[in-house]
Amino acid sequence: MRVAANRNDEQLIRQQAISWIRAVSDDGSRALESKEIGEFAFNGRRIPLKGQQGIWNPKGFSAALSVRTSFTPEGKLAPYPDRVEKDGLVRYSWYKSDGSHGFNVALRNAMAQQVPVIWFYEVAESLFSTMAPVYVIAEEPQEKRFVLAFSADDEPIAPVEHPSVLEESLKRYLRVQTKIRLHQPVFRSTVLTAYKNQCAVCKLGHAQLLDAAHIVPDREDLGIASVVNGMALCKIHHAAFDNYFLGIRPDHIVEIRHDLLMEVDGPMLRHGLQDLHGRALMALPNSEADWPREDLLENAYDKFRKATVEDVA
């Protein structure tokens, strides 16, 4: 059975698939299970949005619909997720290193036609962070890979004519990198999955109220986009952590800034912050390999202590 009968169908399916995936994933903030992704339908007919291979080109499509990065335990601990580089672009390897393979041709066609694709990044077995729309903007044949970029403003991104002028094109994508960084949806999904959608400090279990907080900010050299530099924190404890109202010692003990301990206010201050002083974190990943790295906690705790002393002075 052919999925797309003609180019008009293909365009409609692509547009609806991207709109649908963004809606069900809360614009990439929520990871999706394979069975959820499999629920997409066009005109009452289920259409697969990803395949088992890295590049997915449904029957009848002239250009690839999606790319996929498979889960590896080591990928969670990398400074940046596999194939994402600090310039905000994705380098995606050719399928089987054969530029003439049909999957690679399909992704090349997506570049030539300037059509968007969906990127599925597997953060746990059968659990995917999603990013769309993503455009193929160049190919680097010597490295046997494509270059992809995320459109932050939903505007199509034209391909770069020659890989040598990529440096010039990066100027445009710098604002994309700062506004919507490609690694952030993957970082959020990886951290929240590791913490089973529970706040590390208070164990609040509603993903909509949780953030993937960096222990060391990602603007700093130590601020790697890795699960070991992250904690799932509810909105209030994330804000308290970032603003040095709350600190976490390297041994996972919570401290509240001492002048805040002396304040008298309502139940939120008392139960939400003051009562946590001296208590251990309530939620940690099952695997110790995913726990916050001690040197990163030490770095953040030193800043908390310094900020506390300065405020008292």
C-alpha atoms as a PDB file:
ATOM      1  CA  MET A   1       0.000   0.000   0.000  1.00  0.00           C
ATOM      2  CA  ARG A   2       1.376   3.372  -1.008  1.00  0.00           C
ATOM      3  CA  VAL A   3       1.167   6.090   1.621  1.00  0.00           C
ATOM      4  CA  ALA A   4       1.170   9.121  -0.667  1.00  0.00           C
ATOM      5  CA  ALA A   5      -0.713   8.996  -3.944  1.00  0.00           C
ATOM      6  CA  ASN A   6       0.800  12.235  -5.261  1.00  0.00           C
ATOM      7  CA  ARG A   7       2.959  15.206  -4.278  1.00  0.00           C
ATOM      8  CA  ASN A   8      -0.028  17.117  -2.897  1.00  0.00           C
ATOM      9  CA  ASP A   9      -0.821  14.225  -0.557  1.00  0.00           C
ATOM     10  CA  GLU A  10       2.810  14.035   0.465  1.00  0.00           C
ATOM     11  CA  GLN A  11       2.907  17.733   1.327  1.00  0.00           C
ATOM     12  CA  LEU A  12      -0.336  17.540   3.304  1.00  0.00           C
ATOM     13  CA  ILE A  13       0.797  14.465   5.217  1.00  0.00           C
ATOM     14  CA  ARG A  14       4.124  16.113   6.036  1.00  0.00           C
ATOM     15  CA  GLN A  15       2.462  19.342   7.222  1.00  0.00           C
ATOM     16  CA  GLN A  16      -0.127  17.525   9.316  1.00  0.00           C
ATOM     17  CA  ALA A  17       2.439  15.112  10.750  1.00  0.00           C
ATOM     18  CA  ILE A  18       4.650  17.963  11.946  1.00  0.00           C
ATOM     19  CA  SER A  19       1.717  19.913  13.389  1.00  0.00           C
ATOM     20  CA  TRP A  20       0.441  16.777  15.108  1.00  0.00           C
ATOM     21  CA  ILE A  21       3.812  15.765  16.574  1.00  0.00           C
ATOM     22  CA  ARG A  22       4.344  19.266  17.953  1.00  0.00           C
ATOM     23  CA  ALA A  23       0.891  19.303  19.510  1.00  0.00           C
ATOM     24  CA  VAL A  24       1.058  15.894  21.225  1.00  0.00           C
ATOM     25  CA  SER A  25       4.623  16.526  22.470  1.00  0.00           C
ATOM     26  CA  ASP A  26       3.841  20.040  23.769  1.00  0.00           C
ATOM     27  CA  ASP A  27       6.198  21.438  21.150  1.00  0.00           C
ATOM     28  CA  GLY A  28       8.914  18.975  22.018  1.00  0.00           C
ATOM     29  CA  SER A  29       8.813  19.413  25.795  1.00  0.00           C
ATOM     30  CA  ARG A  30       7.345  15.933  26.414  1.00  0.00           C
ATOM     31  CA  ALA A  31       8.921  12.696  25.245  1.00  0.00           C
ATOM     32  CA  LEU A  32       6.652  10.330  23.335  1.00  0.00           C
ATOM     33  CA  GLU A  33       6.418   6.564  23.424  1.00  0.00           C
ATOM     34  CA  SER A  34       6.543   4.628  20.169  1.00  0.00           C
ATOM     35  CA  LYS A  35       2.897   3.628  20.530  1.00  0.00           C
ATOM     36  CA  GLU A  36       1.889   7.292  20.819  1.00  0.00           C
ATOM     37  CA  ILE A  37       3.852   8.190  17.706  1.00  0.00           C
ATOM     38  CA  GLY A  38       2.133   5.322  15.923  1.00  0.00           C
ATOM     39  CA  GLU A  39      -1.272   6.914  16.446  1.00  0.00           C
ATOM     40  CA  PHE A  40      -0.831   9.527  13.713  1.00  0.00           C
ATOM     41  CA  ALA A  41      -3.439   9.192  10.985  1.00  0.00           C
ATOM     42  CA  PHE A  42      -4.187  10.965   7.704  1.00  0.00           C
ATOM     43  CA  ASN A  43      -7.723  10.746   6.313  1.00  0.00           C
ATOM     44  CA  GLY A  44      -8.498   8.028   8.822  1.00  0.00           C
ATOM     45  CA  ARG A  45      -5.476   5.887   7.926  1.00  0.00           C
ATOM     46  CA  ARG A  46      -2.535   5.278  10.261  1.00  0.00           C
ATOM     47  CA  ILE A  47       0.765   6.405   8.788  1.00  0.00           C
ATOM     48  CA  PRO A  48       4.122   5.537  10.396  1.00  0.00           C
ATOM     49  CA  LEU A  49       6.247   8.589  11.129  1.00  0.00           C
ATOM     50  CA  LYS A  50       9.496   6.737  11.801  1.00  0.00           C
ATOM     51  CA  GLY A  51      11.124   3.503  10.794  1.00  0.00           C
ATOM     52  CA  GLN A  52      13.642   1.139  12.291  1.00  0.00           C
ATOM     53  CA  GLN A  53      16.380   2.708  10.179  1.00  0.00           C
ATOM     54  CA  GLY A  54      17.839   6.121  10.892  1.00  0.00           C
ATOM     55  CA  ILE A  55      16.223   7.741   7.865  1.00  0.00           C
ATOM     56  CA  TRP A  56      12.541   7.115   7.163  1.00  0.00           C
ATOM     57  CA  ASN A  57      11.076   7.494   3.693  1.00  0.00           C
ATOM     58  CA  PRO A  58       7.466   6.200   3.550  1.00  0.00           C
ATOM     59  CA  LYS A  59       6.337   4.429   0.402  1.00  0.00           C
ATOM     60  CA  GLY A  60       5.242   6.922  -2.191  1.00  0.00           C
ATOM     61  CA  PHE A  61       7.238   9.783  -0.668  1.00  0.00           C
ATOM     62  CA  SER A  62       9.796  11.530  -2.827  1.00  0.00           C
ATOM     63  CA  ALA A  63      11.699  12.865   0.192  1.00  0.00           C
ATOM     64  CA  ALA A  64      12.458  11.603   3.706  1.00  0.00           C
ATOM     65  CA  LEU A  65       9.869  12.320   6.387  1.00  0.00           C
ATOM     66  CA  SER A  66      12.022  11.817   9.490  1.00  0.00           C
ATOM     67  CA  VAL A  67      15.416  10.924  10.924  1.00  0.00           C
ATOM     68  CA  ARG A  68      16.046   8.939  14.066  1.00  0.00           C
ATOM     69  CA  THR A  69      18.842   8.696  16.593  1.00  0.00           C
ATOM     70  CA  SER A  70      18.734   5.433  18.521  1.00  0.00           C
ATOM     71  CA  PHE A  71      19.182   5.179  22.270  1.00  0.00           C
ATOM     72  CA  THR A  72      22.505   4.173  23.781  1.00  0.00           C
ATOM     73  CA  PRO A  73      23.194   4.340  27.546  1.00  0.00           C
ATOM     74  CA  GLU A  74      26.459   6.134  26.805  1.00  0.00           C
ATOM     75  CA  GLY A  75      24.575   8.853  24.929  1.00  0.00           C
ATOM     76  CA  LYS A  76      23.030  10.118  28.163  1.00  0.00           C
ATOM     77  CA  LEU A  77      26.449  10.915  29.558  1.00  0.00           C
ATOM     78  CA  ALA A  78      27.917  12.660  26.518  1.00  0.00           C
ATOM     79  CA  PRO A  79      28.570  16.416  26.780  1.00  0.00           C
ATOM     80  CA  TYR A  80      26.160  16.899  23.872  1.00  0.00           C
ATOM     81  CA  PRO A  81      23.726  14.361  22.463  1.00  0.00           C
ATOM     82  CA  ASP A  82      24.967  12.285  19.580  1.00  0.00           C
ATOM     83  CA  ARG A  83      25.308  14.295  16.356  1.00  0.00           C
ATOM     84  CA  VAL A  84      24.447  17.660  17.960  1.00  0.00           C
ATOM     85  CA  GLU A  85      27.294  20.161  17.878  1.00  0.00           C
ATOM     86  CA  LYS A  86      27.846  23.422  19.721  1.00  0.00           C
ATOM     87  CA  ASP A  87      27.122  25.513  16.628  1.00  0.00           C
ATOM     88  CA  GLY A  88      23.488  24.503  17.052  1.00  0.00           C
ATOM     89  CA  LEU A  89      23.429  22.276  13.984  1.00  0.00           C
ATOM     90  CA  VAL A  90      23.092  18.532  13.595  1.00  0.00           C
ATOM     91  CA  ARG A  91      25.532  16.381  11.679  1.00  0.00           C
ATOM     92  CA  TYR A  92      23.640  13.281  10.627  1.00  0.00           C
ATOM     93  CA  SER A  93      25.630  10.391   9.163  1.00  0.00           C
ATOM     94  CA  TRP A  94      24.808   8.744   5.874  1.00  0.00           C
ATOM     95  CA  TYR A  95      22.926   5.483   6.154  1.00  0.00           C
ATOM     96  CA  LYS A  96      25.482   2.639   5.876  1.00  0.00           C
ATOM     97  CA  SER A  97      28.084   5.186   4.663  1.00  0.00           C
ATOM     98  CA  ASP A  98      26.747   4.741   1.123  1.00  0.00           C
ATOM     99  CA  GLY A  99      25.796   8.069  -0.432  1.00  0.00           C
ATOM    100  CA  SER A 100      23.805   6.358  -3.188  1.00  0.00           C
ATOM    101  CA  HIS A 101      21.622   4.362  -0.820  1.00  0.00           C
ATOM    102  CA  GLY A 102      17.914   5.103  -1.216  1.00  0.00           C
ATOM    103  CA  PHE A 103      17.551   6.482   2.317  1.00  0.00           C
ATOM    104  CA  ASN A 104      20.378   8.953   1.740  1.00  0.00           C
ATOM    105  CA  VAL A 105      18.878   9.929  -1.587  1.00  0.00           C
ATOM    106  CA  ALA A 106      15.560  10.551   0.176  1.00  0.00           C
ATOM    107  CA  LEU A 107      17.205  12.868   2.720  1.00  0.00           C
ATOM    108  CA  ARG A 108      19.086  14.596  -0.094  1.00  0.00           C
ATOM    109  CA  ASN A 109      15.755  15.107  -1.840  1.00  0.00           C
ATOM    110  CA  ALA A 110      14.389  16.739   1.312  1.00  0.00           C
ATOM    111  CA  MET A 111      17.244  19.228   1.049  1.00  0.00           C
ATOM    112  CA  ALA A 112      16.650  19.877  -2.655  1.00  0.00           C
ATOM    113  CA  GLN A 113      12.893  20.330  -2.153  1.00  0.00           C
ATOM    114  CA  GLN A 114      13.413  22.426   1.002  1.00  0.00           C
ATOM    115  CA  VAL A 115      10.841  20.384   2.908  1.00  0.00           C
ATOM    116  CA  PRO A 116      10.984  19.873   6.688  1.00  0.00           C
ATOM    117  CA  VAL A 117      11.606  16.588   8.454  1.00  0.00           C
ATOM    118  CA  ILE A 118      10.982  15.346  11.996  1.00  0.00           C
ATOM    119  CA  TRP A 119      13.887  14.353  14.218  1.00  0.00           C
ATOM    120  CA  PHE A 120      13.236  11.538  16.699  1.00  0.00           C
ATOM    121  CA  TYR A 121      15.877  11.228  19.406  1.00  0.00           C
ATOM    122  CA  GLU A 122      15.483   8.078  21.538  1.00  0.00           C
ATOM    123  CA  VAL A 123      16.199   9.020  25.169  1.00  0.00           C
ATOM    124  CA  ALA A 124      15.197   5.638  26.604  1.00  0.00           C
ATOM    125  CA  GLU A 125      14.017   2.402  25.054  1.00  0.00           C
ATOM    126  CA  SER A 126      10.989   3.244  22.846  1.00  0.00           C
ATOM    127  CA  LEU A 127      10.808   6.793  24.288  1.00  0.00           C
ATOM    128  CA  PHE A 128      11.556   9.663  21.925  1.00  0.00           C
ATOM    129  CA  SER A 129      12.246  13.354  22.195  1.00  0.00           C
ATOM    130  CA  THR A 130      10.930  15.050  19.058  1.00  0.00           C
ATOM    131  CA  MET A 131      12.021  18.142  17.169  1.00  0.00           C
ATOM    132  CA  ALA A 132      10.300  19.695  14.167  1.00  0.00           C
ATOM    133  CA  PRO A 133      10.542  21.311  11.744  1.00  0.00           C
ATOM    134  CA  VAL A 134      14.135  20.408  10.943  1.00  0.00           C
ATOM    135  CA  TYR A 135      15.664  21.219   7.554  1.00  0.00           C
ATOM    136  CA  VAL A 136      18.531  19.600   5.681  1.00  0.00           C
ATOM    137  CA  ILE A 137      20.700  22.586   4.781  1.00  0.00           C
ATOM    138  CA  ALA A 138      23.885  20.983   3.458  1.00  0.00           C
ATOM    139  CA  GLU A 139      25.773  17.791   2.805  1.00  0.00           C
ATOM    140  CA  GLU A 140      29.391  17.095   3.725  1.00  0.00           C
ATOM    141  CA  PRO A 141      30.343  14.227   1.394  1.00  0.00           C
ATOM    142  CA  GLN A 142      33.882  13.830   2.694  1.00  0.00           C
ATOM    143  CA  GLU A 143      32.553  13.247   6.193  1.00  0.00           C
ATOM    144  CA  LYS A 144      29.643  11.185   4.767  1.00  0.00           C
ATOM    145  CA  ARG A 145      26.989  13.193   6.560  1.00  0.00           C
ATOM    146  CA  PHE A 146      24.253  15.772   6.209  1.00  0.00           C
ATOM    147  CA  VAL A 147      23.871  19.058   8.074  1.00  0.00           C
ATOM    148  CA  LEU A 148      20.501  19.803   9.655  1.00  0.00           C
ATOM    149  CA  ALA A 149      19.126  22.917  11.348  1.00  0.00           C
ATOM    150  CA  PHE A 150      16.033  23.568  13.440  1.00  0.00           C
ATOM    151  CA  SER A 151      13.705  26.351  12.316  1.00  0.00           C
ATOM    152  CA  ALA A 152      12.853  28.356  15.425  1.00  0.00           C
ATOM    153  CA  ASP A 153      10.403  30.636  13.657  1.00  0.00           C
ATOM    154  CA  ASP A 154       8.764  27.986  11.420  1.00  0.00           C
ATOM    155  CA  GLU A 155      10.275  29.608   8.350  1.00  0.00           C
ATOM    156  CA  PRO A 156      11.765  27.254   5.741  1.00  0.00           C
ATOM    157  CA  ILE A 157      15.561  27.218   5.714  1.00  0.00           C
ATOM    158  CA  ALA A 158      17.091  27.146   2.249  1.00  0.00           C
ATOM    159  CA  PRO A 159      19.992  24.766   1.667  1.00  0.00           C
ATOM    160  CA  VAL A 160      23.530  26.107   1.537  1.00  0.00           C
ATOM    161  CA  GLU A 161      24.899  25.817  -1.982  1.00  0.00           C
ATOM    162  CA  HIS A 162      28.395  24.783  -0.957  1.00  0.00           C
ATOM    163  CA  PRO A 163      29.534  23.291   2.360  1.00  0.00           C
ATOM    164  CA  SER A 164      32.425  25.762   2.372  1.00  0.00           C
ATOM    165  CA  VAL A 165      30.025  28.645   3.024  1.00  0.00           C
ATOM    166  CA  LEU A 166      28.502  27.014   6.099  1.00  0.00           C
ATOM    167  CA  GLU A 167      30.421  29.423   8.305  1.00  0.00           C
ATOM    168  CA  GLU A 168      28.558  32.350   6.770  1.00  0.00           C
ATOM    169  CA  SER A 169      25.213  30.652   7.190  1.00  0.00           C
ATOM    170  CA  LEU A 170      25.881  30.041  10.878  1.00  0.00           C
ATOM    171  CA  LYS A 171      25.298  33.729  11.582  1.00  0.00           C
ATOM    172  CA  ARG A 172      21.620  33.183  10.910  1.00  0.00           C
ATOM    173  CA  TYR A 173      21.450  30.156  13.159  1.00  0.00           C
ATOM    174  CA  LEU A 174      23.118  31.782  16.148  1.00  0.00           C
ATOM    175  CA  ARG A 175      19.750  33.251  17.160  1.00  0.00           C
ATOM    176  CA  VAL A 176      18.214  29.811  16.687  1.00  0.00           C
ATOM    177  CA  GLN A 177      20.820  28.345  18.989  1.00  0.00           C
ATOM    178  CA  THR A 178      20.114  30.892  21.711  1.00  0.00           C
ATOM    179  CA  LYS A 179      16.317  30.914  21.285  1.00  0.00           C
ATOM    180  CA  ILE A 180      15.652  27.195  20.856  1.00  0.00           C
ATOM    181  CA  ARG A 181      18.721  25.018  21.259  1.00  0.00           C
ATOM    182  CA  LEU A 182      18.614  21.666  19.635  1.00  0.00           C
ATOM    183  CA  HIS A 183      19.923  19.798  22.652  1.00  0.00           C
ATOM    184  CA  GLN A 184      17.381  21.182  25.124  1.00  0.00           C
ATOM    185  CA  PRO A 185      14.411  18.927  24.297  1.00  0.00           C
ATOM    186  CA  VAL A 186      16.703  15.902  24.495  1.00  0.00           C
ATOM    187  CA  PHE A 187      18.213  17.134  27.772  1.00  0.00           C
ATOM    188  CA  ARG A 188      14.750  17.647  29.292  1.00  0.00           C
ATOM    189  CA  SER A 189      13.470  14.242  28.202  1.00  0.00           C
ATOM    190  CA  THR A 190      16.602  12.444  29.365  1.00  0.00           C
ATOM    191  CA  VAL A 191      16.608  14.096  32.804  1.00  0.00           C
ATOM    192  CA  LEU A 192      12.879  13.747  33.476  1.00  0.00           C
ATOM    193  CA  THR A 193      12.970  10.109  32.376  1.00  0.00           C
ATOM    194  CA  ALA A 194      15.919   9.382  34.690  1.00  0.00           C
ATOM    195  CA  TYR A 195      14.045  10.970  37.622  1.00  0.00           C
ATOM    196  CA  LYS A 196      10.788   9.222  36.687  1.00  0.00           C
ATOM    197  CA  ASN A 197       9.056  12.597  36.319  1.00  0.00           C
ATOM    198  CA  GLN A 198       9.563  13.462  39.990  1.00  0.00           C
ATOM    199  CA  CYS A 199      11.093  16.562  41.533  1.00  0.00           C
ATOM    200  CA  ALA A 200      14.418  15.639  43.149  1.00  0.00           C
ATOM    201  CA  VAL A 201      13.723  17.953  46.097  1.00  0.00           C
ATOM    202  CA  CYS A 202      10.048  17.368  46.925  1.00  0.00           C
ATOM    203  CA  LYS A 203       9.061  14.377  44.727  1.00  0.00           C
ATOM    204  CA  LEU A 204       6.234  16.262  42.988  1.00  0.00           C
ATOM    205  CA  GLY A 205       5.191  13.911  40.206  1.00  0.00           C
ATOM    206  CA  HIS A 206       3.539  16.029  37.504  1.00  0.00           C
ATOM    207  CA  ALA A 207       5.739  16.440  34.430  1.00  0.00           C
ATOM    208  CA  GLN A 208       3.901  19.613  33.392  1.00  0.00           C
ATOM    209  CA  LEU A 209       5.161  21.265  36.596  1.00  0.00           C
ATOM    210  CA  LEU A 210       8.749  20.035  36.269  1.00  0.00           C
ATOM    211  CA  ASP A 211      11.868  21.443  34.631  1.00  0.00           C
ATOM    212  CA  ALA A 212      15.130  19.816  33.667  1.00  0.00           C
ATOM    213  CA  ALA A 213      17.402  22.080  35.687  1.00  0.00           C
ATOM    214  CA  HIS A 214      21.097  22.462  34.954  1.00  0.00           C
ATOM    215  CA  ILE A 215      23.284  22.103  38.035  1.00  0.00           C
ATOM    216  CA  VAL A 216      25.947  24.237  36.367  1.00  0.00           C
ATOM    217  CA  PRO A 217      24.454  26.628  33.766  1.00  0.00           C
ATOM    218  CA  ASP A 218      25.036  25.530  30.190  1.00  0.00           C
ATOM    219  CA  ARG A 219      26.684  28.866  29.365  1.00  0.00           C
ATOM    220  CA  GLU A 220      29.655  27.785  31.501  1.00  0.00           C
ATOM    221  CA  ASP A 221      32.377  25.363  30.454  1.00  0.00           C
ATOM    222  CA  LEU A 222      31.261  22.773  33.011  1.00  0.00           C
ATOM    223  CA  GLY A 223      27.606  23.188  31.992  1.00  0.00           C
ATOM    224  CA  ILE A 224      27.381  20.060  29.885  1.00  0.00           C
ATOM    225  CA  ALA A 225      24.036  18.988  28.426  1.00  0.00           C
ATOM    226  CA  SER A 226      24.144  15.644  30.200  1.00  0.00           C
ATOM    227  CA  VAL A 227      21.919  13.877  32.690  1.00  0.00           C
ATOM    228  CA  VAL A 228      24.749  14.086  35.260  1.00  0.00           C
ATOM    229  CA  ASN A 229      24.495  17.888  35.083  1.00  0.00           C
ATOM    230  CA  GLY A 230      20.742  17.853  35.482  1.00  0.00           C
ATOM    231  CA  MET A 231      18.019  17.375  38.057  1.00  0.00           C
ATOM    232  CA  ALA A 232      14.272  17.225  37.682  1.00  0.00           C
ATOM    233  CA  LEU A 233      12.952  20.132  39.748  1.00  0.00           C
ATOM    234  CA  CYS A 234       9.474  21.560  40.150  1.00  0.00           C
ATOM    235  CA  LYS A 235       9.029  25.179  39.115  1.00  0.00           C
ATOM    236  CA  ILE A 236       9.402  26.639  42.622  1.00  0.00           C
ATOM    237  CA  HIS A 237      12.457  24.583  43.560  1.00  0.00           C
ATOM    238  CA  HIS A 238      14.078  25.263  40.194  1.00  0.00           C
ATOM    239  CA  ALA A 239      13.646  29.003  40.749  1.00  0.00           C
ATOM    240  CA  ALA A 240      14.872  28.683  44.343  1.00  0.00           C
ATOM    241  CA  PHE A 241      17.942  26.724  43.188  1.00  0.00           C
ATOM    242  CA  ASP A 242      18.833  29.146  40.387  1.00  0.00           C
ATOM    243  CA  ASN A 243      18.425  32.171  42.683  1.00  0.00           C
ATOM    244  CA  TYR A 244      20.390  30.668  45.602  1.00  0.00           C
ATOM    245  CA  PHE A 245      17.477  30.384  48.015  1.00  0.00           C
ATOM    246  CA  LEU A 246      18.112  26.642  47.986  1.00  0.00           C
ATOM    247  CA  GLY A 247      21.402  24.791  47.755  1.00  0.00           C
ATOM    248  CA  ILE A 248      22.244  21.111  47.378  1.00  0.00           C
ATOM    249  CA  ARG A 249      25.389  19.761  48.953  1.00  0.00           C
ATOM    250  CA  PRO A 250      27.521  17.177  47.121  1.00  0.00           C
ATOM    251  CA  ASP A 251      26.168  14.554  49.559  1.00  0.00           C
ATOM    252  CA  HIS A 252      22.610  15.362  48.311  1.00  0.00           C
ATOM    253  CA  ILE A 253      21.524  17.257  51.422  1.00  0.00           C
ATOM    254  CA  VAL A 254      19.278  20.280  50.835  1.00  0.00           C
ATOM    255  CA  GLU A 255      20.112  23.593  52.497  1.00  0.00           C
ATOM    256  CA  ILE A 256      17.910  26.681  52.646  1.00  0.00           C
ATOM    257  CA  ARG A 257      19.493  30.111  52.862  1.00  0.00           C
ATOM    258  CA  HIS A 258      19.646  30.888  56.570  1.00  0.00           C
ATOM    259  CA  ASP A 259      18.020  34.330  56.403  1.00  0.00           C
ATOM    260  CA  LEU A 260      15.059  32.673  54.660  1.00  0.00           C
ATOM    261  CA  LEU A 261      14.845  30.229  57.553  1.00  0.00           C
ATOM    262  CA  MET A 262      14.229  33.168  59.875  1.00  0.00           C
ATOM    263  CA  GLU A 263      11.319  34.583  57.875  1.00  0.00           C
ATOM    264  CA  VAL A 264       7.717  34.095  58.953  1.00  0.00           C
ATOM    265  CA  ASP A 265       5.255  33.747  56.096  1.00  0.00           C
ATOM    266  CA  GLY A 266       2.558  31.413  54.834  1.00  0.00           C
ATOM    267  CA  PRO A 267       2.531  27.624  54.417  1.00  0.00           C
ATOM    268  CA  MET A 268       4.313  27.734  51.048  1.00  0.00           C
ATOM    269  CA  LEU A 269       7.474  29.155  52.611  1.00  0.00           C
ATOM    270  CA  ARG A 270       7.296  26.847  55.589  1.00  0.00           C
ATOM    271  CA  HIS A 271       6.458  23.558  53.879  1.00  0.00           C
ATOM    272  CA  GLY A 272       7.840  24.302  50.431  1.00  0.00           C
ATOM    273  CA  LEU A 273      11.265  25.531  51.550  1.00  0.00           C
ATOM    274  CA  GLN A 274      12.013  25.861  55.284  1.00  0.00           C
ATOM    275  CA  ASP A 275      10.992  22.292  56.206  1.00  0.00           C
ATOM    276  CA  LEU A 276      13.368  20.911  53.561  1.00  0.00           C
ATOM    277  CA  HIS A 277      16.477  22.286  55.273  1.00  0.00           C
ATOM    278  CA  GLY A 278      18.839  19.448  56.205  1.00  0.00           C
ATOM    279  CA  ARG A 279      16.865  16.790  54.366  1.00  0.00           C
ATOM    280  CA  ALA A 280      18.197  14.499  51.654  1.00  0.00           C
ATOM    281  CA  LEU A 281      16.954  14.688  48.099  1.00  0.00           C
ATOM    282  CA  MET A 282      13.693  12.772  47.797  1.00  0.00           C
ATOM    283  CA  ALA A 283      14.212  11.452  44.255  1.00  0.00           C
ATOM    284  CA  LEU A 284      17.288  10.238  42.408  1.00  0.00           C
ATOM    285  CA  PRO A 285      17.696   8.116  39.275  1.00  0.00           C
ATOM    286  CA  ASN A 286      17.757   4.352  39.780  1.00  0.00           C
ATOM    287  CA  SER A 287      21.160   4.135  38.141  1.00  0.00           C
ATOM    288  CA  GLU A 288      23.997   5.781  40.086  1.00  0.00           C
ATOM    289  CA  ALA A 289      25.619   6.549  36.729  1.00  0.00           C
ATOM    290  CA  ASP A 290      22.799   9.081  36.197  1.00  0.00           C
ATOM    291  CA  TRP A 291      23.147  10.746  39.604  1.00  0.00           C
ATOM    292  CA  PRO A 292      24.337  14.377  39.752  1.00  0.00           C
ATOM    293  CA  ARG A 293      28.098  14.480  39.347  1.00  0.00           C
ATOM    294  CA  GLU A 294      29.811  15.400  42.597  1.00  0.00           C
ATOM    295  CA  ASP A 295      32.118  18.065  41.155  1.00  0.00           C
ATOM    296  CA  LEU A 296      29.164  19.802  39.468  1.00  0.00           C
ATOM    297  CA  LEU A 297      27.184  19.823  42.728  1.00  0.00           C
ATOM    298  CA  GLU A 298      30.273  21.172  44.496  1.00  0.00           C
ATOM    299  CA  ASN A 299      30.523  23.964  41.944  1.00  0.00           C
ATOM    300  CA  ALA A 300      26.881  24.956  42.388  1.00  0.00           C
ATOM    301  CA  TYR A 301      27.033  24.623  46.191  1.00  0.00           C
ATOM    302  CA  ASP A 302      30.055  26.926  46.386  1.00  0.00           C
ATOM    303  CA  LYS A 303      28.079  29.584  44.499  1.00  0.00           C
ATOM    304  CA  PHE A 304      25.136  29.099  46.880  1.00  0.00           C
ATOM    305  CA  ARG A 305      27.365  29.532  49.934  1.00  0.00           C
ATOM    306  CA  LYS A 306      29.033  32.604  48.450  1.00  0.00           C
ATOM    307  CA  ALA A 307      25.659  34.179  47.567  1.00  0.00           C
ATOM    308  CA  THR A 308      24.386  33.478  51.087  1.00  0.00           C
ATOM    309  CA  VAL A 309      27.392  35.176  52.723  1.00  0.00           C
ATOM    310  CA  GLU A 310      27.108  38.206  50.430  1.00  0.00           C
ATOM    311  CA  ASP A 311      23.395  38.632  51.135  1.00  0.00           C
ATOM    312  CA  VAL A 312      23.963  38.450  54.895  1.00  0.00           C
ATOM    313  CA  ALA A 313      26.809  40.942  54.698  1.00  0.00           C
END
